[in-house]
Amino acid sequence: MKPLVSVANPEKNAESGEHVRPPSLSLEKCVGTAVRALRLRHQLTIAQVADGAGISSGMLSKIENGQISAGMDTLSRVARALGSTMAMLFRTYDVPAGAAHLVKRGKGMPFLRQGTRPGHTFEFLSYDQGPTKSFDAFLVTISEDSDNLPTVEHPGTEVIHMLEGVMEYRSGQTLYKLEPGDTLTLQGEVLHGFERLIELPIRFLCTIVYSSPSSDTQ
């Protein structure tokens, strides 16, 4: 069974609050940025560091601005003057792009879940995870009651953390009363879903962790 059906594609831009990958920086820019960050961290002036490294203030300024390619000996002396190591000066160069994914408040991607009712909204908090998914995370908001509440089953382990409201939730033959701060962990292959909506509105975070990639989670 495929319980989750996406209805939109995420747009990666600043207005949506999602990540925008910065352009790759040159070696000179990466080194310069690291030198400047270390100098400011230690509250040192350009003159103080330049004097400690035995170079001119003008040269250090050009290094910080990525305007020149300094030799290894020069960079070694600059690193020592900063009380640091050469490795720290190169730590941000040629590294993989960060795998973090930010979704700003209210900017999650809406999607449909089988059996969705009016007043029930499901909002993806994490998506675009590459060719195979290891998890899904979403915010569920329920503002209206319904006489016919859906039950579902799916691969993986599901974790529900209550934020607001009170509800009774079924997993197999067992019922659980969930209140703010409660966390319920269940096996997705076991039929589960809303049994009774006790206090509206209801909001909870839901994460589904998939034990292995499958066609149902693509």
C-alpha atoms as a PDB file:
ATOM      1  CA  MET A   1       0.000   0.000   0.000  1.00  0.00           C
ATOM      2  CA  LYS A   2       1.184   3.533  -0.783  1.00  0.00           C
ATOM      3  CA  PRO A   3      -0.247   5.774   1.971  1.00  0.00           C
ATOM      4  CA  LEU A   4       1.478   8.972   0.932  1.00  0.00           C
ATOM      5  CA  VAL A   5       0.774  10.746  -2.343  1.00  0.00           C
ATOM      6  CA  SER A   6       2.627  13.978  -3.039  1.00  0.00           C
ATOM      7  CA  VAL A   7       0.683  16.724  -4.770  1.00  0.00           C
ATOM      8  CA  ALA A   8       3.425  19.269  -5.401  1.00  0.00           C
ATOM      9  CA  ASN A   9       7.090  19.540  -6.201  1.00  0.00           C
ATOM     10  CA  PRO A  10       9.329  21.546  -3.860  1.00  0.00           C
ATOM     11  CA  GLU A  11      10.927  24.704  -5.191  1.00  0.00           C
ATOM     12  CA  LYS A  12      14.383  25.438  -3.881  1.00  0.00           C
ATOM     13  CA  ASN A  13      14.626  29.164  -3.371  1.00  0.00           C
ATOM     14  CA  ALA A  14      15.080  31.714  -0.641  1.00  0.00           C
ATOM     15  CA  GLU A  15      11.446  32.839  -0.594  1.00  0.00           C
ATOM     16  CA  SER A  16      10.189  29.323   0.170  1.00  0.00           C
ATOM     17  CA  GLY A  17      12.674  29.092   3.026  1.00  0.00           C
ATOM     18  CA  GLU A  18      14.505  26.146   1.525  1.00  0.00           C
ATOM     19  CA  HIS A  19      18.197  25.739   0.974  1.00  0.00           C
ATOM     20  CA  VAL A  20      19.978  27.581  -1.800  1.00  0.00           C
ATOM     21  CA  ARG A  21      23.331  26.033  -2.567  1.00  0.00           C
ATOM     22  CA  PRO A  22      26.089  28.664  -2.632  1.00  0.00           C
ATOM     23  CA  PRO A  23      28.505  28.736  -5.555  1.00  0.00           C
ATOM     24  CA  SER A  24      31.811  26.921  -5.074  1.00  0.00           C
ATOM     25  CA  LEU A  25      34.561  29.148  -3.685  1.00  0.00           C
ATOM     26  CA  SER A  26      38.128  29.213  -4.944  1.00  0.00           C
ATOM     27  CA  LEU A  27      40.964  27.948  -2.773  1.00  0.00           C
ATOM     28  CA  GLU A  28      42.119  31.542  -2.199  1.00  0.00           C
ATOM     29  CA  LYS A  29      38.644  32.626  -1.057  1.00  0.00           C
ATOM     30  CA  CYS A  30      38.256  29.644   1.282  1.00  0.00           C
ATOM     31  CA  VAL A  31      41.667  30.245   2.876  1.00  0.00           C
ATOM     32  CA  GLY A  32      41.048  33.982   3.158  1.00  0.00           C
ATOM     33  CA  THR A  33      37.674  33.465   4.808  1.00  0.00           C
ATOM     34  CA  ALA A  34      39.208  31.027   7.311  1.00  0.00           C
ATOM     35  CA  VAL A  35      42.060  33.435   8.141  1.00  0.00           C
ATOM     36  CA  ARG A  36      39.665  36.311   8.717  1.00  0.00           C
ATOM     37  CA  ALA A  37      37.302  34.186  10.853  1.00  0.00           C
ATOM     38  CA  LEU A  38      40.164  33.003  13.072  1.00  0.00           C
ATOM     39  CA  ARG A  39      41.560  36.512  13.426  1.00  0.00           C
ATOM     40  CA  LEU A  40      38.198  37.954  14.451  1.00  0.00           C
ATOM     41  CA  ARG A  41      37.551  35.058  16.818  1.00  0.00           C
ATOM     42  CA  HIS A  42      40.749  35.902  18.682  1.00  0.00           C
ATOM     43  CA  GLN A  43      39.996  39.659  18.440  1.00  0.00           C
ATOM     44  CA  LEU A  44      43.287  40.381  16.676  1.00  0.00           C
ATOM     45  CA  THR A  45      43.983  43.220  14.267  1.00  0.00           C
ATOM     46  CA  ILE A  46      45.432  42.718  10.791  1.00  0.00           C
ATOM     47  CA  ALA A  47      48.598  44.451  11.976  1.00  0.00           C
ATOM     48  CA  GLN A  48      49.007  42.100  14.936  1.00  0.00           C
ATOM     49  CA  VAL A  49      48.664  38.939  12.855  1.00  0.00           C
ATOM     50  CA  ALA A  50      50.817  40.291  10.048  1.00  0.00           C
ATOM     51  CA  ASP A  51      53.549  41.184  12.525  1.00  0.00           C
ATOM     52  CA  GLY A  52      53.395  37.719  14.089  1.00  0.00           C
ATOM     53  CA  ALA A  53      53.621  36.074  10.659  1.00  0.00           C
ATOM     54  CA  GLY A  54      56.393  38.351   9.457  1.00  0.00           C
ATOM     55  CA  ILE A  55      54.466  39.738   6.492  1.00  0.00           C
ATOM     56  CA  SER A  56      53.011  43.127   5.654  1.00  0.00           C
ATOM     57  CA  SER A  57      49.513  44.180   6.659  1.00  0.00           C
ATOM     58  CA  GLY A  58      48.725  44.756   3.003  1.00  0.00           C
ATOM     59  CA  MET A  59      49.649  41.170   2.129  1.00  0.00           C
ATOM     60  CA  LEU A  60      47.532  39.758   4.951  1.00  0.00           C
ATOM     61  CA  SER A  61      44.613  41.892   3.813  1.00  0.00           C
ATOM     62  CA  LYS A  62      44.944  40.484   0.287  1.00  0.00           C
ATOM     63  CA  ILE A  63      45.085  36.936   1.702  1.00  0.00           C
ATOM     64  CA  GLU A  64      41.879  37.529   3.668  1.00  0.00           C
ATOM     65  CA  ASN A  65      40.136  38.904   0.588  1.00  0.00           C
ATOM     66  CA  GLY A  66      41.252  35.967  -1.567  1.00  0.00           C
ATOM     67  CA  GLN A  67      43.171  38.273  -3.896  1.00  0.00           C
ATOM     68  CA  ILE A  68      46.473  36.384  -3.854  1.00  0.00           C
ATOM     69  CA  SER A  69      47.630  32.785  -3.684  1.00  0.00           C
ATOM     70  CA  ALA A  70      50.054  32.747  -0.756  1.00  0.00           C
ATOM     71  CA  GLY A  71      52.789  30.146  -0.500  1.00  0.00           C
ATOM     72  CA  MET A  72      52.686  27.302   2.001  1.00  0.00           C
ATOM     73  CA  ASP A  73      55.434  28.830   4.120  1.00  0.00           C
ATOM     74  CA  THR A  74      53.526  32.100   4.383  1.00  0.00           C
ATOM     75  CA  LEU A  75      50.274  30.373   5.268  1.00  0.00           C
ATOM     76  CA  SER A  76      52.077  28.244   7.853  1.00  0.00           C
ATOM     77  CA  ARG A  77      53.360  31.386   9.558  1.00  0.00           C
ATOM     78  CA  VAL A  78      49.936  33.025   9.403  1.00  0.00           C
ATOM     79  CA  ALA A  79      48.373  29.926  10.985  1.00  0.00           C
ATOM     80  CA  ARG A  80      50.940  29.977  13.818  1.00  0.00           C
ATOM     81  CA  ALA A  81      50.313  33.696  14.376  1.00  0.00           C
ATOM     82  CA  LEU A  82      46.627  32.854  14.735  1.00  0.00           C
ATOM     83  CA  GLY A  83      47.387  30.039  17.184  1.00  0.00           C
ATOM     84  CA  SER A  84      45.950  27.559  14.706  1.00  0.00           C
ATOM     85  CA  THR A  85      47.011  24.926  12.177  1.00  0.00           C
ATOM     86  CA  MET A  86      47.312  24.783   8.407  1.00  0.00           C
ATOM     87  CA  ALA A  87      44.459  22.274   8.338  1.00  0.00           C
ATOM     88  CA  MET A  88      42.082  24.886   9.765  1.00  0.00           C
ATOM     89  CA  LEU A  89      42.843  27.219   6.866  1.00  0.00           C
ATOM     90  CA  PHE A  90      41.799  24.584   4.297  1.00  0.00           C
ATOM     91  CA  ARG A  91      38.903  23.014   6.173  1.00  0.00           C
ATOM     92  CA  THR A  92      36.142  24.473   3.975  1.00  0.00           C
ATOM     93  CA  TYR A  93      37.770  23.879   0.606  1.00  0.00           C
ATOM     94  CA  ASP A  94      36.457  21.174  -1.732  1.00  0.00           C
ATOM     95  CA  VAL A  95      34.092  19.664   0.832  1.00  0.00           C
ATOM     96  CA  PRO A  96      30.717  18.137  -0.081  1.00  0.00           C
ATOM     97  CA  ALA A  97      27.706  20.419   0.014  1.00  0.00           C
ATOM     98  CA  GLY A  98      25.817  20.242   3.297  1.00  0.00           C
ATOM     99  CA  ALA A  99      23.053  17.635   3.417  1.00  0.00           C
ATOM    100  CA  ALA A 100      20.889  19.715   5.736  1.00  0.00           C
ATOM    101  CA  HIS A 101      17.403  20.656   4.570  1.00  0.00           C
ATOM    102  CA  LEU A 102      15.561  23.622   6.084  1.00  0.00           C
ATOM    103  CA  VAL A 103      11.798  24.077   5.824  1.00  0.00           C
ATOM    104  CA  LYS A 104      10.615  27.387   7.299  1.00  0.00           C
ATOM    105  CA  ARG A 105       7.440  27.571   9.362  1.00  0.00           C
ATOM    106  CA  GLY A 106       4.375  27.210   7.186  1.00  0.00           C
ATOM    107  CA  LYS A 107       6.435  26.420   4.072  1.00  0.00           C
ATOM    108  CA  GLY A 108       6.224  22.627   4.113  1.00  0.00           C
ATOM    109  CA  MET A 109       5.004  20.889   0.968  1.00  0.00           C
ATOM    110  CA  PRO A 110       1.330  19.849   1.218  1.00  0.00           C
ATOM    111  CA  PHE A 111       0.433  16.297   0.225  1.00  0.00           C
ATOM    112  CA  LEU A 112      -2.529  13.963   0.187  1.00  0.00           C
ATOM    113  CA  ARG A 113      -2.728  10.832   2.300  1.00  0.00           C
ATOM    114  CA  GLN A 114      -5.159   8.072   1.531  1.00  0.00           C
ATOM    115  CA  GLY A 115      -8.446   8.820   3.209  1.00  0.00           C
ATOM    116  CA  THR A 116      -7.701  12.490   3.876  1.00  0.00           C
ATOM    117  CA  ARG A 117     -10.791  14.323   5.192  1.00  0.00           C
ATOM    118  CA  PRO A 118     -11.755  18.042   5.111  1.00  0.00           C
ATOM    119  CA  GLY A 119     -10.067  19.888   7.952  1.00  0.00           C
ATOM    120  CA  HIS A 120      -7.187  17.404   7.982  1.00  0.00           C
ATOM    121  CA  THR A 121      -3.911  18.739   6.557  1.00  0.00           C
ATOM    122  CA  PHE A 122      -0.626  16.893   6.080  1.00  0.00           C
ATOM    123  CA  GLU A 123       2.497  18.959   5.483  1.00  0.00           C
ATOM    124  CA  PHE A 124       5.876  17.507   4.501  1.00  0.00           C
ATOM    125  CA  LEU A 125       8.695  18.788   6.719  1.00  0.00           C
ATOM    126  CA  SER A 126      11.411  16.897   4.848  1.00  0.00           C
ATOM    127  CA  TYR A 127      11.619  15.810   1.222  1.00  0.00           C
ATOM    128  CA  ASP A 128      13.971  15.690  -1.774  1.00  0.00           C
ATOM    129  CA  GLN A 129      16.131  13.077  -0.052  1.00  0.00           C
ATOM    130  CA  GLY A 130      17.753  11.725  -3.186  1.00  0.00           C
ATOM    131  CA  PRO A 131      17.098   8.562  -5.223  1.00  0.00           C
ATOM    132  CA  THR A 132      15.907   6.517  -2.200  1.00  0.00           C
ATOM    133  CA  LYS A 133      14.088   7.634   0.911  1.00  0.00           C
ATOM    134  CA  SER A 134      15.144   6.599   4.404  1.00  0.00           C
ATOM    135  CA  PHE A 135      12.359   8.507   6.161  1.00  0.00           C
ATOM    136  CA  ASP A 136       9.382  10.857   5.811  1.00  0.00           C
ATOM    137  CA  ALA A 137       8.620  13.650   8.276  1.00  0.00           C
ATOM    138  CA  PHE A 138       5.457  15.717   8.331  1.00  0.00           C
ATOM    139  CA  LEU A 139       3.191  17.913  10.445  1.00  0.00           C
ATOM    140  CA  VAL A 140      -0.444  16.857  10.764  1.00  0.00           C
ATOM    141  CA  THR A 141      -3.135  19.386  11.680  1.00  0.00           C
ATOM    142  CA  ILE A 142      -6.765  18.416  12.328  1.00  0.00           C
ATOM    143  CA  SER A 143      -9.271  21.221  12.797  1.00  0.00           C
ATOM    144  CA  GLU A 144     -12.541  19.398  11.994  1.00  0.00           C
ATOM    145  CA  ASP A 145     -14.016  16.149  13.276  1.00  0.00           C
ATOM    146  CA  SER A 146     -15.053  13.356  10.920  1.00  0.00           C
ATOM    147  CA  ASP A 147     -17.418  10.402  11.226  1.00  0.00           C
ATOM    148  CA  ASN A 148     -15.230   8.148   9.084  1.00  0.00           C
ATOM    149  CA  LEU A 149     -11.593   8.300  10.169  1.00  0.00           C
ATOM    150  CA  PRO A 150      -9.073   6.446   7.983  1.00  0.00           C
ATOM    151  CA  THR A 151      -6.701   3.639   8.948  1.00  0.00           C
ATOM    152  CA  VAL A 152      -3.566   2.861   6.966  1.00  0.00           C
ATOM    153  CA  GLU A 153      -0.599   0.519   6.767  1.00  0.00           C
ATOM    154  CA  HIS A 154       2.809   1.135   5.226  1.00  0.00           C
ATOM    155  CA  PRO A 155       6.439  -0.031   5.436  1.00  0.00           C
ATOM    156  CA  GLY A 156       8.697   1.131   8.258  1.00  0.00           C
ATOM    157  CA  THR A 157       8.353   2.416  11.813  1.00  0.00           C
ATOM    158  CA  GLU A 158       6.136   5.417  12.593  1.00  0.00           C
ATOM    159  CA  VAL A 159       6.723   7.869  15.445  1.00  0.00           C
ATOM    160  CA  ILE A 160       3.979  10.317  16.491  1.00  0.00           C
ATOM    161  CA  HIS A 161       4.714  13.212  18.858  1.00  0.00           C
ATOM    162  CA  MET A 162       1.709  15.212  20.046  1.00  0.00           C
ATOM    163  CA  LEU A 163       1.916  19.016  20.038  1.00  0.00           C
ATOM    164  CA  GLU A 164      -1.684  20.084  20.634  1.00  0.00           C
ATOM    165  CA  GLY A 165      -5.107  18.575  21.287  1.00  0.00           C
ATOM    166  CA  VAL A 166      -6.147  15.114  22.443  1.00  0.00           C
ATOM    167  CA  MET A 167      -6.948  12.053  20.363  1.00  0.00           C
ATOM    168  CA  GLU A 168      -7.348   8.310  20.615  1.00  0.00           C
ATOM    169  CA  TYR A 169      -5.137   6.432  18.165  1.00  0.00           C
ATOM    170  CA  ARG A 170      -5.349   2.788  17.162  1.00  0.00           C
ATOM    171  CA  SER A 171      -2.469   0.418  16.396  1.00  0.00           C
ATOM    172  CA  GLY A 172      -3.766  -3.051  15.677  1.00  0.00           C
ATOM    173  CA  GLN A 173      -6.226  -3.944  18.442  1.00  0.00           C
ATOM    174  CA  THR A 174      -4.805  -1.477  20.975  1.00  0.00           C
ATOM    175  CA  LEU A 175      -6.050   2.080  21.588  1.00  0.00           C
ATOM    176  CA  TYR A 176      -3.791   4.867  22.884  1.00  0.00           C
ATOM    177  CA  LYS A 177      -4.921   8.212  24.292  1.00  0.00           C
ATOM    178  CA  LEU A 178      -2.429  10.822  23.081  1.00  0.00           C
ATOM    179  CA  GLU A 179      -2.059  14.237  24.743  1.00  0.00           C
ATOM    180  CA  PRO A 180       0.459  17.086  24.238  1.00  0.00           C
ATOM    181  CA  GLY A 181       3.982  15.832  24.918  1.00  0.00           C
ATOM    182  CA  ASP A 182       3.101  12.158  24.366  1.00  0.00           C
ATOM    183  CA  THR A 183       5.059  10.071  21.861  1.00  0.00           C
ATOM    184  CA  LEU A 184       3.776   6.884  20.231  1.00  0.00           C
ATOM    185  CA  THR A 185       6.014   4.515  18.244  1.00  0.00           C
ATOM    186  CA  LEU A 186       4.367   1.826  16.111  1.00  0.00           C
ATOM    187  CA  GLN A 187       5.053  -0.595  13.288  1.00  0.00           C
ATOM    188  CA  GLY A 188       3.713   0.741   9.999  1.00  0.00           C
ATOM    189  CA  GLU A 189       2.795  -2.724   8.682  1.00  0.00           C
ATOM    190  CA  VAL A 190       0.193  -3.028  11.457  1.00  0.00           C
ATOM    191  CA  LEU A 191      -3.105  -1.350  10.555  1.00  0.00           C
ATOM    192  CA  HIS A 192      -3.278   1.958  12.426  1.00  0.00           C
ATOM    193  CA  GLY A 193      -5.002   5.328  12.404  1.00  0.00           C
ATOM    194  CA  PHE A 194      -7.302   7.779  14.190  1.00  0.00           C
ATOM    195  CA  GLU A 195      -9.914   6.199  16.437  1.00  0.00           C
ATOM    196  CA  ARG A 196     -11.422   9.264  18.114  1.00  0.00           C
ATOM    197  CA  LEU A 197     -10.728  12.993  18.026  1.00  0.00           C
ATOM    198  CA  ILE A 198     -11.270  14.144  21.597  1.00  0.00           C
ATOM    199  CA  GLU A 199     -10.039  17.737  21.710  1.00  0.00           C
ATOM    200  CA  LEU A 200      -9.566  19.914  18.617  1.00  0.00           C
ATOM    201  CA  PRO A 201      -7.514  21.359  17.108  1.00  0.00           C
ATOM    202  CA  ILE A 202      -4.993  18.528  17.007  1.00  0.00           C
ATOM    203  CA  ARG A 203      -1.404  18.912  15.817  1.00  0.00           C
ATOM    204  CA  PHE A 204       1.328  16.316  15.871  1.00  0.00           C
ATOM    205  CA  LEU A 205       4.661  15.545  14.276  1.00  0.00           C
ATOM    206  CA  CYS A 206       4.895  12.243  12.440  1.00  0.00           C
ATOM    207  CA  THR A 207       8.073  10.549  11.221  1.00  0.00           C
ATOM    208  CA  ILE A 208       8.155   7.314   9.231  1.00  0.00           C
ATOM    209  CA  VAL A 209      11.536   5.574   9.167  1.00  0.00           C
ATOM    210  CA  TYR A 210      11.923   2.980   6.427  1.00  0.00           C
ATOM    211  CA  SER A 211      14.011  -0.062   7.267  1.00  0.00           C
ATOM    212  CA  SER A 212      15.064  -0.526   3.647  1.00  0.00           C
ATOM    213  CA  PRO A 213      14.383   1.225   0.305  1.00  0.00           C
ATOM    214  CA  SER A 214      11.352  -0.082  -1.554  1.00  0.00           C
ATOM    215  CA  SER A 215       9.262   0.977  -4.498  1.00  0.00           C
ATOM    216  CA  ASP A 216       6.485   1.966  -2.077  1.00  0.00           C
ATOM    217  CA  THR A 217       8.625   4.726  -0.576  1.00  0.00           C
ATOM    218  CA  GLN A 218       9.771   6.412  -3.763  1.00  0.00           C
END
